Structure formats: structure tokens, C-alpha cells
Amino acid sequence: MRITKNNIPAKIDVPGALARQATGFGDSSDYAMLGAEYFTLGAGTDIAPLLQGLQDDACHAPHWGFMLSGAVVVTYTDNTTESCVGDDVFYWPPGHSVRVVEDAEIILFSPQAEHGAVMDHMLARMAG
């Protein structure tokens, strides 16, 4: 689920202030603490091989975030894909992988326990 910044409905629009709000943007009630994450990813990066061995060979943490720049393709376990580009606000539910099409800067908010476990698995895969 993604939406471009300018397509998020304005909730408050007065001189000097514009507040946009996209409602129904993923449910975080089943998770504890969130981590704030900043990713810088080069074009060609594909995390799919690093996710092998996890449930469904996918990241099982949900993410809410903002694409500062670049472009990625998110592939879900049902084989659907979604492209996210600069200025997109997004929600990636559990069960996904990411491939970077253009150098990307991404801000994520993720359940820290779940995403920490995924990143630890990825580090172990990189270490061999």
C-alpha cells in the first residue's frame, strides 16, 4: 500500500500549515516498540537471497515509511509487486522482499523485535 505525498488528503489546510492524513494505513496493535530506521540502498540491491530460510523466504516485519528518493520494487509472498518511488508514503505488510531499481534513501518505522530478527538473519547469511 503506497500513496504519493501530494495524493494524501489534506486534513488541515490553512495559511502557513498543511497537514495531510492517510487513514487506515496498516494496523500496529499487535506489535510492541517500533524502531526508526534510515536505509541508503544502491541500485541493484536485492534482499531476496538474504531472506532465504525465513518463513516463506520473506521479511515477516511490517514497515511504515517514506521514500526520500530512488525507486524500489516490493514483491509479496502472493507474487504481487508494487513500485515505490521518491515522495511515496508506504505500508509494507509482513511477507515481502525488496529490490532496488534506483539508488534509494528510505525511512522506515518497524516493530524492532521482528525487524531486528530479520536483520540478524540477513547478517548471518552475509557472514556465510
Protein backbone atom coordinates (compact mmCIF):
# COMPACT_ATOMS: atom_id res chain seq x y z
CA MET A 1 0.00 0.00 0.00
CA ARG A 2 1.55 3.28 -1.04
CA ILE A 3 0.44 6.81 -1.76
CA THR A 4 2.30 9.77 -3.22
CA LYS A 5 2.68 12.68 -0.83
CA ASN A 6 0.55 15.01 -2.94
CA ASN A 7 -2.27 12.43 -3.11
CA ILE A 8 -2.63 12.21 0.67
CA PRO A 9 -5.83 14.13 1.53
CA ALA A 10 -5.38 17.45 3.30
CA LYS A 11 -6.87 17.34 6.79
CA ILE A 12 -5.79 20.89 7.72
CA ASP A 13 -5.05 23.47 5.04
CA VAL A 14 -4.62 26.98 6.36
CA PRO A 15 -2.11 29.72 5.53
CA GLY A 16 1.27 28.55 6.81
CA ALA A 17 0.22 24.96 7.60
CA LEU A 18 -0.76 21.92 5.60
CA ALA A 19 -1.38 18.60 7.36
CA ARG A 20 -2.11 15.56 5.22
CA GLN A 21 -3.56 12.33 6.65
CA ALA A 22 -3.95 8.91 5.07
CA THR A 23 -6.19 6.86 7.35
CA GLY A 24 -6.37 3.07 7.58
CA PHE A 25 -2.66 2.75 6.81
CA GLY A 26 -1.82 -0.56 8.48
CA ASP A 27 -2.54 -1.87 11.97
CA SER A 28 0.26 -1.78 14.55
CA SER A 29 -1.77 -3.05 17.51
CA ASP A 30 -0.09 -6.49 17.56
CA TYR A 31 3.41 -5.04 17.97
CA ALA A 32 5.37 -3.51 20.84
CA MET A 33 8.17 -0.97 20.39
CA LEU A 34 8.86 0.50 16.96
CA GLY A 35 12.33 1.22 15.62
CA ALA A 36 13.10 4.19 13.37
CA GLU A 37 15.36 3.17 10.50
CA TYR A 38 17.13 5.05 7.72
CA PHE A 39 18.27 2.99 4.74
CA THR A 40 20.64 4.01 1.96
CA LEU A 41 20.48 1.34 -0.74
CA GLY A 42 22.30 1.13 -4.06
CA ALA A 43 20.68 0.27 -7.36
CA GLY A 44 20.72 -3.47 -7.96
CA THR A 45 20.43 -4.41 -4.29
CA ASP A 46 18.09 -7.38 -3.91
CA ILE A 47 17.47 -8.68 -0.39
CA ALA A 48 15.64 -11.85 -1.54
CA PRO A 49 18.71 -14.14 -1.25
CA LEU A 50 19.34 -12.85 2.29
CA LEU A 51 15.78 -13.74 3.33
CA GLN A 52 16.10 -17.40 2.35
CA GLY A 53 15.45 -19.60 5.36
CA LEU A 54 12.90 -17.26 6.94
CA GLN A 55 9.19 -18.10 6.85
CA ASP A 56 8.15 -18.02 3.17
CA ASP A 57 11.69 -16.71 2.41
CA ALA A 58 10.36 -13.22 3.14
CA CYS A 59 10.63 -10.39 5.65
CA HIS A 60 7.97 -11.00 8.28
CA ALA A 61 8.05 -7.50 9.81
CA PRO A 62 5.61 -4.81 8.70
CA HIS A 63 7.04 -1.42 7.76
CA TRP A 64 5.61 2.06 7.54
CA GLY A 65 7.81 4.54 5.77
CA PHE A 66 8.69 7.30 3.36
CA MET A 67 10.74 7.12 0.17
CA LEU A 68 13.00 10.14 0.20
CA SER A 69 14.43 9.29 -3.21
CA GLY A 70 15.02 6.48 -5.64
CA ALA A 71 12.86 3.54 -6.64
CA VAL A 72 12.25 0.04 -5.27
CA VAL A 73 10.08 -2.90 -6.23
CA VAL A 74 8.43 -4.77 -3.38
CA THR A 75 7.45 -8.38 -4.04
CA TYR A 76 4.91 -10.00 -1.75
CA THR A 77 4.54 -13.70 -0.97
CA ASP A 78 1.39 -13.83 -3.13
CA ASN A 79 3.68 -12.84 -6.08
CA THR A 80 2.17 -9.37 -6.46
CA THR A 81 4.57 -6.46 -6.83
CA GLU A 82 4.42 -2.79 -6.05
CA SER A 83 6.76 0.03 -7.04
CA CYS A 84 7.63 2.79 -4.60
CA VAL A 85 9.43 5.98 -5.63
CA GLY A 86 10.55 9.23 -4.05
CA ASP A 87 7.79 11.09 -2.15
CA ASP A 88 5.75 7.91 -1.62
CA VAL A 89 4.43 7.11 1.85
CA PHE A 90 4.00 3.35 2.20
CA TYR A 91 2.97 0.39 4.31
CA TRP A 92 4.62 -2.96 3.55
CA PRO A 93 2.81 -5.77 5.41
CA PRO A 94 4.67 -8.89 6.57
CA GLY A 95 5.64 -11.23 3.75
CA HIS A 96 7.71 -9.18 1.33
CA SER A 97 11.11 -8.70 -0.28
CA VAL A 98 12.68 -5.55 -1.75
CA ARG A 99 14.74 -4.94 -4.89
CA VAL A 100 16.31 -1.52 -5.53
CA VAL A 101 15.82 -0.15 -9.05
CA GLU A 102 17.41 3.30 -8.49
CA ASP A 103 19.67 4.35 -5.60
CA ALA A 104 17.27 4.87 -2.71
CA GLU A 105 17.01 6.71 0.60
CA ILE A 106 14.22 5.26 2.74
CA ILE A 107 12.89 5.98 6.22
CA LEU A 108 11.18 3.01 7.91
CA PHE A 109 9.28 2.55 11.15
CA SER A 110 9.20 -1.14 12.04
CA PRO A 111 8.48 -3.31 15.08
CA GLN A 112 12.00 -3.50 16.46
CA ALA A 113 11.89 -7.10 17.73
CA GLU A 114 10.51 -8.52 14.47
CA HIS A 115 12.68 -6.47 12.14
CA GLY A 116 15.75 -6.90 14.34
CA ALA A 117 15.37 -10.68 13.97
CA VAL A 118 15.11 -10.33 10.18
CA MET A 119 18.20 -8.11 10.01
CA ASP A 120 20.13 -10.53 12.27
CA HIS A 121 19.20 -13.35 9.87
CA MET A 122 20.41 -11.24 6.92
CA LEU A 123 23.71 -10.50 8.69
CA ALA A 124 24.22 -14.21 9.37
CA ARG A 125 23.58 -15.00 5.68
CA MET A 126 26.11 -12.35 4.63
CA ALA A 127 28.70 -13.80 7.03
CA GLY A 128 28.24 -17.21 5.41
